C-alpha atoms as a PDB file:
ATOM      1  CA  MET A   1      46.421  11.776   2.056  1.00  0.00           C
ATOM      2  CA  SER A   2      45.111  14.974   1.585  1.00  0.00           C
ATOM      3  CA  ASP A   3      47.003  18.132   4.003  1.00  0.00           C
ATOM      4  CA  SER A   4      43.638  19.420   4.428  1.00  0.00           C
ATOM      5  CA  LEU A   5      40.663  18.080   7.166  1.00  0.00           C
ATOM      6  CA  VAL A   6      37.511  19.470   7.594  1.00  0.00           C
ATOM      7  CA  ILE A   7      35.985  18.612  10.737  1.00  0.00           C
ATOM      8  CA  ILE A   8      32.025  18.714  10.923  1.00  0.00           C
ATOM      9  CA  PRO A   9      30.511  18.264  14.480  1.00  0.00           C
ATOM     10  CA  THR A  10      27.022  16.498  13.707  1.00  0.00           C
ATOM     11  CA  TYR A  11      23.441  15.790  16.464  1.00  0.00           C
ATOM     12  CA  ASN A  12      20.498  15.349  14.282  1.00  0.00           C
ATOM     13  CA  GLU A  13      21.464  15.810  10.937  1.00  0.00           C
ATOM     14  CA  LYS A  14      20.390  13.878   8.922  1.00  0.00           C
ATOM     15  CA  GLU A  15      19.295  15.460   6.833  1.00  0.00           C
ATOM     16  CA  ASN A  16      21.689  16.622   5.371  1.00  0.00           C
ATOM     17  CA  ILE A  17      25.059  14.544   6.158  1.00  0.00           C
ATOM     18  CA  GLU A  18      25.114  13.217   3.031  1.00  0.00           C
ATOM     19  CA  ARG A  19      24.427  16.049   1.276  1.00  0.00           C
ATOM     20  CA  ILE A  20      27.261  18.028   2.768  1.00  0.00           C
ATOM     21  CA  ILE A  21      29.528  15.283   2.480  1.00  0.00           C
ATOM     22  CA  ARG A  22      29.034  14.596  -1.330  1.00  0.00           C
ATOM     23  CA  LYS A  23      29.066  18.731  -1.737  1.00  0.00           C
ATOM     24  CA  VAL A  24      32.521  18.663  -0.354  1.00  0.00           C
ATOM     25  CA  PHE A  25      33.789  16.045  -2.086  1.00  0.00           C
ATOM     26  CA  SER A  26      33.236  17.009  -5.224  1.00  0.00           C
ATOM     27  CA  LEU A  27      35.125  19.800  -4.400  1.00  0.00           C
ATOM     28  CA  PRO A  28      38.210  20.421  -7.032  1.00  0.00           C
ATOM     29  CA  PHE A  29      40.752  19.708  -4.100  1.00  0.00           C
ATOM     30  CA  LEU A  30      40.613  16.410  -1.867  1.00  0.00           C
ATOM     31  CA  PHE A  31      39.528  17.792   1.463  1.00  0.00           C
ATOM     32  CA  GLU A  32      39.323  14.669   3.732  1.00  0.00           C
ATOM     33  CA  ILE A  33      36.257  14.774   6.612  1.00  0.00           C
ATOM     34  CA  LEU A  34      35.745  13.767  10.152  1.00  0.00           C
ATOM     35  CA  ILE A  35      32.365  13.438  11.499  1.00  0.00           C
ATOM     36  CA  ILE A  36      32.285  14.240  15.086  1.00  0.00           C
ATOM     37  CA  ASP A  37      28.353  12.831  15.770  1.00  0.00           C
ATOM     38  CA  ASP A  38      27.876  13.155  19.560  1.00  0.00           C
ATOM     39  CA  GLY A  39      25.569  10.111  19.536  1.00  0.00           C
ATOM     40  CA  SER A  40      22.650  11.393  17.359  1.00  0.00           C
ATOM     41  CA  PRO A  41      19.987   9.531  17.908  1.00  0.00           C
ATOM     42  CA  ASP A  42      18.016  10.019  14.497  1.00  0.00           C
ATOM     43  CA  GLY A  43      21.297   7.866  12.733  1.00  0.00           C
ATOM     44  CA  THR A  44      23.669  10.667  11.417  1.00  0.00           C
ATOM     45  CA  ALA A  45      26.574   8.448  12.050  1.00  0.00           C
ATOM     46  CA  GLU A  46      24.834   5.128  10.751  1.00  0.00           C
ATOM     47  CA  ILE A  47      24.179   7.290   7.238  1.00  0.00           C
ATOM     48  CA  VAL A  48      27.974   7.953   7.436  1.00  0.00           C
ATOM     49  CA  LYS A  49      29.283   4.907   8.063  1.00  0.00           C
ATOM     50  CA  SER A  50      27.280   4.032   4.455  1.00  0.00           C
ATOM     51  CA  LEU A  51      29.384   6.630   2.893  1.00  0.00           C
ATOM     52  CA  GLN A  52      32.918   5.132   3.839  1.00  0.00           C
ATOM     53  CA  GLU A  53      33.464   2.654   1.567  1.00  0.00           C
ATOM     54  CA  GLU A  54      32.566   5.431  -0.604  1.00  0.00           C
ATOM     55  CA  TYR A  55      35.092   7.752   0.128  1.00  0.00           C
ATOM     56  CA  PRO A  56      38.337   6.531   1.674  1.00  0.00           C
ATOM     57  CA  ALA A  57      38.810   9.990   2.927  1.00  0.00           C
ATOM     58  CA  LEU A  58      35.685   9.818   5.187  1.00  0.00           C
ATOM     59  CA  HIS A  59      36.319   9.939   9.175  1.00  0.00           C
ATOM     60  CA  LEU A  60      33.839   9.006  11.868  1.00  0.00           C
ATOM     61  CA  GLU A  61      34.342   9.750  15.172  1.00  0.00           C
ATOM     62  CA  GLN A  62      31.530   8.533  17.445  1.00  0.00           C
ATOM     63  CA  ARG A  63      30.966  10.334  20.933  1.00  0.00           C
ATOM     64  CA  THR A  64      28.615   9.172  23.731  1.00  0.00           C
ATOM     65  CA  GLY A  65      26.008  11.886  24.868  1.00  0.00           C
ATOM     66  CA  LYS A  66      25.587  15.740  23.678  1.00  0.00           C
ATOM     67  CA  LEU A  67      28.969  16.599  24.977  1.00  0.00           C
ATOM     68  CA  GLY A  68      29.155  20.328  23.490  1.00  0.00           C
ATOM     69  CA  LEU A  69      30.102  22.043  20.064  1.00  0.00           C
ATOM     70  CA  GLY A  70      33.860  23.094  21.572  1.00  0.00           C
ATOM     71  CA  THR A  71      34.635  19.778  23.216  1.00  0.00           C
ATOM     72  CA  ALA A  72      33.939  17.987  19.756  1.00  0.00           C
ATOM     73  CA  TYR A  73      36.305  20.572  17.377  1.00  0.00           C
ATOM     74  CA  ILE A  74      38.966  19.962  20.324  1.00  0.00           C
ATOM     75  CA  HIS A  75      38.087  16.378  20.031  1.00  0.00           C
ATOM     76  CA  GLY A  76      38.794  16.319  15.639  1.00  0.00           C
ATOM     77  CA  PHE A  77      42.311  19.262  16.620  1.00  0.00           C
ATOM     78  CA  LYS A  78      43.393  16.211  18.323  1.00  0.00           C
ATOM     79  CA  TRP A  79      42.498  13.312  16.250  1.00  0.00           C
ATOM     80  CA  ALA A  80      44.381  16.016  13.827  1.00  0.00           C
ATOM     81  CA  LEU A  81      47.463  16.856  15.051  1.00  0.00           C
ATOM     82  CA  GLN A  82      48.181  13.049  15.586  1.00  0.00           C
ATOM     83  CA  ARG A  83      47.826  12.373  11.808  1.00  0.00           C
ATOM     84  CA  LYS A  84      49.140  14.884   8.978  1.00  0.00           C
ATOM     85  CA  TYR A  85      47.676  17.400   8.483  1.00  0.00           C
ATOM     86  CA  GLU A  86      48.120  20.721   7.645  1.00  0.00           C
ATOM     87  CA  PHE A  87      45.083  22.630   7.839  1.00  0.00           C
ATOM     88  CA  ILE A  88      42.467  22.199   9.507  1.00  0.00           C
ATOM     89  CA  PHE A  89      39.002  23.523   8.992  1.00  0.00           C
ATOM     90  CA  GLU A  90      36.184  24.084  11.518  1.00  0.00           C
ATOM     91  CA  MET A  91      32.679  23.528   8.892  1.00  0.00           C
ATOM     92  CA  ASP A  92      29.158  23.064   9.770  1.00  0.00           C
ATOM     93  CA  ALA A  93      27.287  20.484   8.641  1.00  0.00           C
ATOM     94  CA  ASP A  94      23.884  22.682   7.774  1.00  0.00           C
ATOM     95  CA  PHE A  95      24.820  24.626   4.491  1.00  0.00           C
ATOM     96  CA  SER A  96      25.294  27.871   6.238  1.00  0.00           C
ATOM     97  CA  HIS A  97      28.922  27.818   5.425  1.00  0.00           C
ATOM     98  CA  ASN A  98      29.338  27.193   1.571  1.00  0.00           C
ATOM     99  CA  PRO A  99      31.592  24.394   0.806  1.00  0.00           C
ATOM    100  CA  ASP A 100      32.771  26.290  -2.090  1.00  0.00           C
ATOM    101  CA  ASP A 101      34.668  28.223   0.526  1.00  0.00           C
ATOM    102  CA  LEU A 102      37.185  26.018   1.931  1.00  0.00           C
ATOM    103  CA  VAL A 103      39.131  26.387  -1.123  1.00  0.00           C
ATOM    104  CA  ARG A 104      39.025  30.349  -0.450  1.00  0.00           C
ATOM    105  CA  LEU A 105      40.130  29.822   2.963  1.00  0.00           C
ATOM    106  CA  ARG A 106      42.868  27.390   2.727  1.00  0.00           C
ATOM    107  CA  GLU A 107      44.120  30.236  -0.369  1.00  0.00           C
ATOM    108  CA  ALA A 108      44.345  32.222   2.548  1.00  0.00           C
ATOM    109  CA  CYS A 109      46.617  30.256   4.830  1.00  0.00           C
ATOM    110  CA  LEU A 110      48.493  29.076   1.373  1.00  0.00           C
ATOM    111  CA  ASN A 111      49.351  33.306   1.241  1.00  0.00           C
ATOM    112  CA  GLY A 112      50.345  34.005   4.749  1.00  0.00           C
ATOM    113  CA  ALA A 113      47.237  33.811   7.379  1.00  0.00           C
ATOM    114  CA  ASP A 114      48.076  31.205  10.314  1.00  0.00           C
ATOM    115  CA  VAL A 115      44.062  31.657  10.873  1.00  0.00           C
ATOM    116  CA  ALA A 116      41.294  32.093   7.996  1.00  0.00           C
ATOM    117  CA  ILE A 117      37.695  32.885   8.998  1.00  0.00           C
ATOM    118  CA  GLY A 118      34.564  33.085   6.847  1.00  0.00           C
ATOM    119  CA  SER A 119      33.784  36.243   8.211  1.00  0.00           C
ATOM    120  CA  ARG A 120      29.961  37.310   7.721  1.00  0.00           C
ATOM    121  CA  TYR A 121      30.273  40.825   8.821  1.00  0.00           C
ATOM    122  CA  VAL A 122      33.762  42.271   7.157  1.00  0.00           C
ATOM    123  CA  ASN A 123      32.140  43.327   4.260  1.00  0.00           C
ATOM    124  CA  GLY A 124      28.961  44.614   5.660  1.00  0.00           C
ATOM    125  CA  VAL A 125      26.080  42.437   6.489  1.00  0.00           C
ATOM    126  CA  ASN A 126      26.017  39.072   4.368  1.00  0.00           C
ATOM    127  CA  VAL A 127      23.692  36.574   6.303  1.00  0.00           C
ATOM    128  CA  VAL A 128      20.707  35.384   4.423  1.00  0.00           C
ATOM    129  CA  ASN A 129      17.125  33.350   5.896  1.00  0.00           C
ATOM    130  CA  TRP A 130      18.161  35.058   9.464  1.00  0.00           C
ATOM    131  CA  PRO A 131      15.363  37.073  10.887  1.00  0.00           C
ATOM    132  CA  MET A 132      16.480  40.540  11.705  1.00  0.00           C
ATOM    133  CA  ASN A 133      16.648  39.799  15.873  1.00  0.00           C
ATOM    134  CA  ARG A 134      19.249  37.042  15.184  1.00  0.00           C
ATOM    135  CA  VAL A 135      21.535  39.470  12.903  1.00  0.00           C
ATOM    136  CA  LEU A 136      21.139  42.318  15.059  1.00  0.00           C
ATOM    137  CA  MET A 137      21.708  39.461  18.259  1.00  0.00           C
ATOM    138  CA  SER A 138      25.064  37.966  15.990  1.00  0.00           C
ATOM    139  CA  TYR A 139      26.039  41.451  14.313  1.00  0.00           C
ATOM    140  CA  PHE A 140      25.667  43.248  17.999  1.00  0.00           C
ATOM    141  CA  ALA A 141      28.069  40.039  20.182  1.00  0.00           C
ATOM    142  CA  SER A 142      30.421  40.699  17.760  1.00  0.00           C
ATOM    143  CA  MET A 143      30.853  44.959  18.593  1.00  0.00           C
ATOM    144  CA  TYR A 144      30.086  43.742  22.319  1.00  0.00           C
ATOM    145  CA  VAL A 145      33.656  41.117  22.434  1.00  0.00           C
ATOM    146  CA  ARG A 146      35.827  44.181  20.038  1.00  0.00           C
ATOM    147  CA  PHE A 147      34.916  46.216  23.023  1.00  0.00           C
ATOM    148  CA  ILE A 148      35.716  44.100  25.803  1.00  0.00           C
ATOM    149  CA  THR A 149      38.637  42.306  24.134  1.00  0.00           C
ATOM    150  CA  ARG A 150      40.013  44.871  22.362  1.00  0.00           C
ATOM    151  CA  ILE A 151      40.520  42.512  19.074  1.00  0.00           C
ATOM    152  CA  THR A 152      39.748  44.005  15.655  1.00  0.00           C
ATOM    153  CA  ILE A 153      38.118  40.918  14.072  1.00  0.00           C
ATOM    154  CA  GLN A 154      34.379  41.891  12.576  1.00  0.00           C
ATOM    155  CA  ASP A 155      33.585  38.397  13.079  1.00  0.00           C
ATOM    156  CA  ALA A 156      34.328  37.494  16.784  1.00  0.00           C
ATOM    157  CA  THR A 157      31.873  34.319  16.895  1.00  0.00           C
ATOM    158  CA  ALA A 158      31.989  33.354  12.811  1.00  0.00           C
ATOM    159  CA  GLY A 159      31.888  28.991  12.965  1.00  0.00           C
ATOM    160  CA  PHE A 160      34.141  28.342   9.537  1.00  0.00           C
ATOM    161  CA  LYS A 161      37.818  28.343   9.833  1.00  0.00           C
ATOM    162  CA  CYS A 162      41.099  26.836   8.541  1.00  0.00           C
ATOM    163  CA  TYR A 163      43.587  26.979  10.734  1.00  0.00           C
ATOM    164  CA  ARG A 164      47.862  25.835   9.987  1.00  0.00           C
ATOM    165  CA  ARG A 165      48.323  23.711  12.304  1.00  0.00           C
ATOM    166  CA  ILE A 166      51.225  25.111  13.981  1.00  0.00           C
ATOM    167  CA  VAL A 167      48.121  27.221  15.509  1.00  0.00           C
ATOM    168  CA  LEU A 168      46.513  24.129  16.837  1.00  0.00           C
ATOM    169  CA  GLU A 169      49.974  22.989  18.210  1.00  0.00           C
ATOM    170  CA  THR A 170      50.590  26.290  20.178  1.00  0.00           C
ATOM    171  CA  ILE A 171      47.544  26.707  22.196  1.00  0.00           C
ATOM    172  CA  PRO A 172      46.645  24.590  25.171  1.00  0.00           C
ATOM    173  CA  MET A 173      43.495  22.761  24.383  1.00  0.00           C
ATOM    174  CA  ASP A 174      43.062  21.292  28.065  1.00  0.00           C
ATOM    175  CA  LYS A 175      42.647  25.725  28.348  1.00  0.00           C
ATOM    176  CA  ILE A 176      39.954  26.097  26.497  1.00  0.00           C
ATOM    177  CA  ARG A 177      37.010  26.315  29.017  1.00  0.00           C
ATOM    178  CA  PHE A 178      33.617  27.423  26.736  1.00  0.00           C
ATOM    179  CA  VAL A 179      31.853  24.811  24.523  1.00  0.00           C
ATOM    180  CA  GLY A 180      29.023  27.385  22.983  1.00  0.00           C
ATOM    181  CA  TYR A 181      29.466  30.794  21.025  1.00  0.00           C
ATOM    182  CA  ALA A 182      32.562  31.535  23.191  1.00  0.00           C
ATOM    183  CA  PHE A 183      34.507  28.129  22.282  1.00  0.00           C
ATOM    184  CA  GLN A 184      34.669  30.307  19.506  1.00  0.00           C
ATOM    185  CA  ILE A 185      35.388  33.766  20.627  1.00  0.00           C
ATOM    186  CA  GLU A 186      38.418  31.834  22.408  1.00  0.00           C
ATOM    187  CA  MET A 187      39.995  30.272  19.580  1.00  0.00           C
ATOM    188  CA  LYS A 188      40.333  33.811  17.712  1.00  0.00           C
ATOM    189  CA  PHE A 189      41.429  35.623  21.402  1.00  0.00           C
ATOM    190  CA  THR A 190      43.773  33.758  22.021  1.00  0.00           C
ATOM    191  CA  ALA A 191      45.204  32.831  18.893  1.00  0.00           C
ATOM    192  CA  ILE A 192      45.755  36.358  17.926  1.00  0.00           C
ATOM    193  CA  LYS A 193      47.009  36.421  21.866  1.00  0.00           C
ATOM    194  CA  TYR A 194      49.717  33.640  20.399  1.00  0.00           C
ATOM    195  CA  GLY A 195      50.618  36.306  17.567  1.00  0.00           C
ATOM    196  CA  PHE A 196      49.234  34.303  15.057  1.00  0.00           C
ATOM    197  CA  ASN A 197      48.066  36.383  11.958  1.00  0.00           C
ATOM    198  CA  VAL A 198      44.163  35.775  11.942  1.00  0.00           C
ATOM    199  CA  VAL A 199      42.736  37.238   8.662  1.00  0.00           C
ATOM    200  CA  GLU A 200      39.192  37.363   7.527  1.00  0.00           C
ATOM    201  CA  VAL A 201      37.609  36.249   3.984  1.00  0.00           C
ATOM    202  CA  PRO A 202      34.654  37.577   3.025  1.00  0.00           C
ATOM    203  CA  ILE A 203      31.878  35.239   3.368  1.00  0.00           C
ATOM    204  CA  ILE A 204      27.048  35.089   2.562  1.00  0.00           C
ATOM    205  CA  PHE A 205      25.988  33.139   5.359  1.00  0.00           C
ATOM    206  CA  THR A 206      22.398  31.209   4.140  1.00  0.00           C
ATOM    207  CA  ASP A 207      21.097  29.686   7.577  1.00  0.00           C
ATOM    208  CA  ARG A 208      20.215  25.944   7.519  1.00  0.00           C
ATOM    209  CA  THR A 209      16.500  24.876   5.522  1.00  0.00           C
ATOM    210  CA  GLU A 210      16.235  20.999   7.123  1.00  0.00           C
ATOM    211  CA  GLY A 211      16.923  19.627  10.498  1.00  0.00           C
ATOM    212  CA  VAL A 212      16.931  22.273  13.271  1.00  0.00           C
ATOM    213  CA  SER A 213      19.175  24.674  14.816  1.00  0.00           C
ATOM    214  CA  LYS A 214      20.927  24.194  18.038  1.00  0.00           C
ATOM    215  CA  MET A 215      21.083  27.782  19.024  1.00  0.00           C
ATOM    216  CA  SER A 216      20.079  28.329  23.075  1.00  0.00           C
ATOM    217  CA  THR A 217      19.528  31.488  25.349  1.00  0.00           C
ATOM    218  CA  ARG A 218      22.151  29.368  26.719  1.00  0.00           C
ATOM    219  CA  ILE A 219      24.587  29.756  24.553  1.00  0.00           C
ATOM    220  CA  PHE A 220      24.352  33.517  24.226  1.00  0.00           C
ATOM    221  CA  ARG A 221      24.940  33.839  28.078  1.00  0.00           C
ATOM    222  CA  GLU A 222      27.535  31.918  28.281  1.00  0.00           C
ATOM    223  CA  ALA A 223      29.200  34.199  25.198  1.00  0.00           C
ATOM    224  CA  PHE A 224      27.945  37.029  27.369  1.00  0.00           C
ATOM    225  CA  VAL A 225      30.200  36.624  30.768  1.00  0.00           C
ATOM    226  CA  GLY A 226      32.785  34.183  28.969  1.00  0.00           C
ATOM    227  CA  VAL A 227      34.540  37.195  27.146  1.00  0.00           C
ATOM    228  CA  ILE A 228      34.834  39.738  30.371  1.00  0.00           C
ATOM    229  CA  GLN A 229      36.455  36.151  32.236  1.00  0.00           C
ATOM    230  CA  MET A 230      38.484  35.230  28.833  1.00  0.00           C
ATOM    231  CA  LYS A 231      39.760  39.494  29.135  1.00  0.00           C
ATOM    232  CA  MET A 232      40.624  39.016  33.156  1.00  0.00           C
ATOM    233  CA  GLY A 233      41.660  35.942  32.684  1.00  0.00           C
ATOM    234  CA  SER A 234      44.482  36.530  29.859  1.00  0.00           C
ATOM    235  CA  TRP A 235      45.823  39.410  32.350  1.00  0.00           C
ATOM    236  CA  PHE A 236      47.452  36.233  34.284  1.00  0.00           C
ATOM    237  CA  ARG A 237      48.501  34.129  31.939  1.00  0.00           C
ATOM    238  CA  ASN A 238      51.517  33.352  29.309  1.00  0.00           C
ATOM    239  CA  TYR A 239      51.198  33.657  25.597  1.00  0.00           C
ATOM    240  CA  LYS A 240      54.577  33.474  24.758  1.00  0.00           C
ATOM    241  CA  ARG A 241      55.451  30.369  21.837  1.00  0.00           C
ATOM    242  CA  ALA A 242      57.556  27.710  23.374  1.00  0.00           C
END
């Protein structure tokens, strides 16, 4: 059994899922994979099941209905904490996150980080294939988060991360309330409030070439309002570790 688990939420990712699984398992270090599939009608889960005999380190959790990114990751975090993984990763299925960078995120945690973020903006703007309006929206969203929360993370909405186990054991998952972009912000903000060392590792983000993006204006709206709610809520919350 590996000490590292990569959690990949899926909804209608049949074009990408086999390739991403094979790519992760081709890396020089063994990363186990947990797919959280939200009832994909396109047969994503069936493709995963067909690969499980070939890859014993491939795991699948199926949920009924499209329940949201945040709840998928929390489901995966709880699954991981019931087992012995020391490093738990978030990664997209669509190759916007380069699986080769899993090794670099893990090394950052081995070298002292509690949370390692695959950052698009820590060294300029490293985004490929996004239209300019999407780049600007994402970049200024991170600026907005820094302004409201006073955290220094350059890529506050990043969804490519490695957590050390202790971080997920400390953060009370039942108090994480957001499901989209705001989920990613809330997890970083909460980890920082608990005093964990959160570092950014520069990556190149490449937009998907297969399948359909799950981004929506509702998700951005949740993030915009949610950041203010999150900051105000933190004034009345105790972040002391047990």
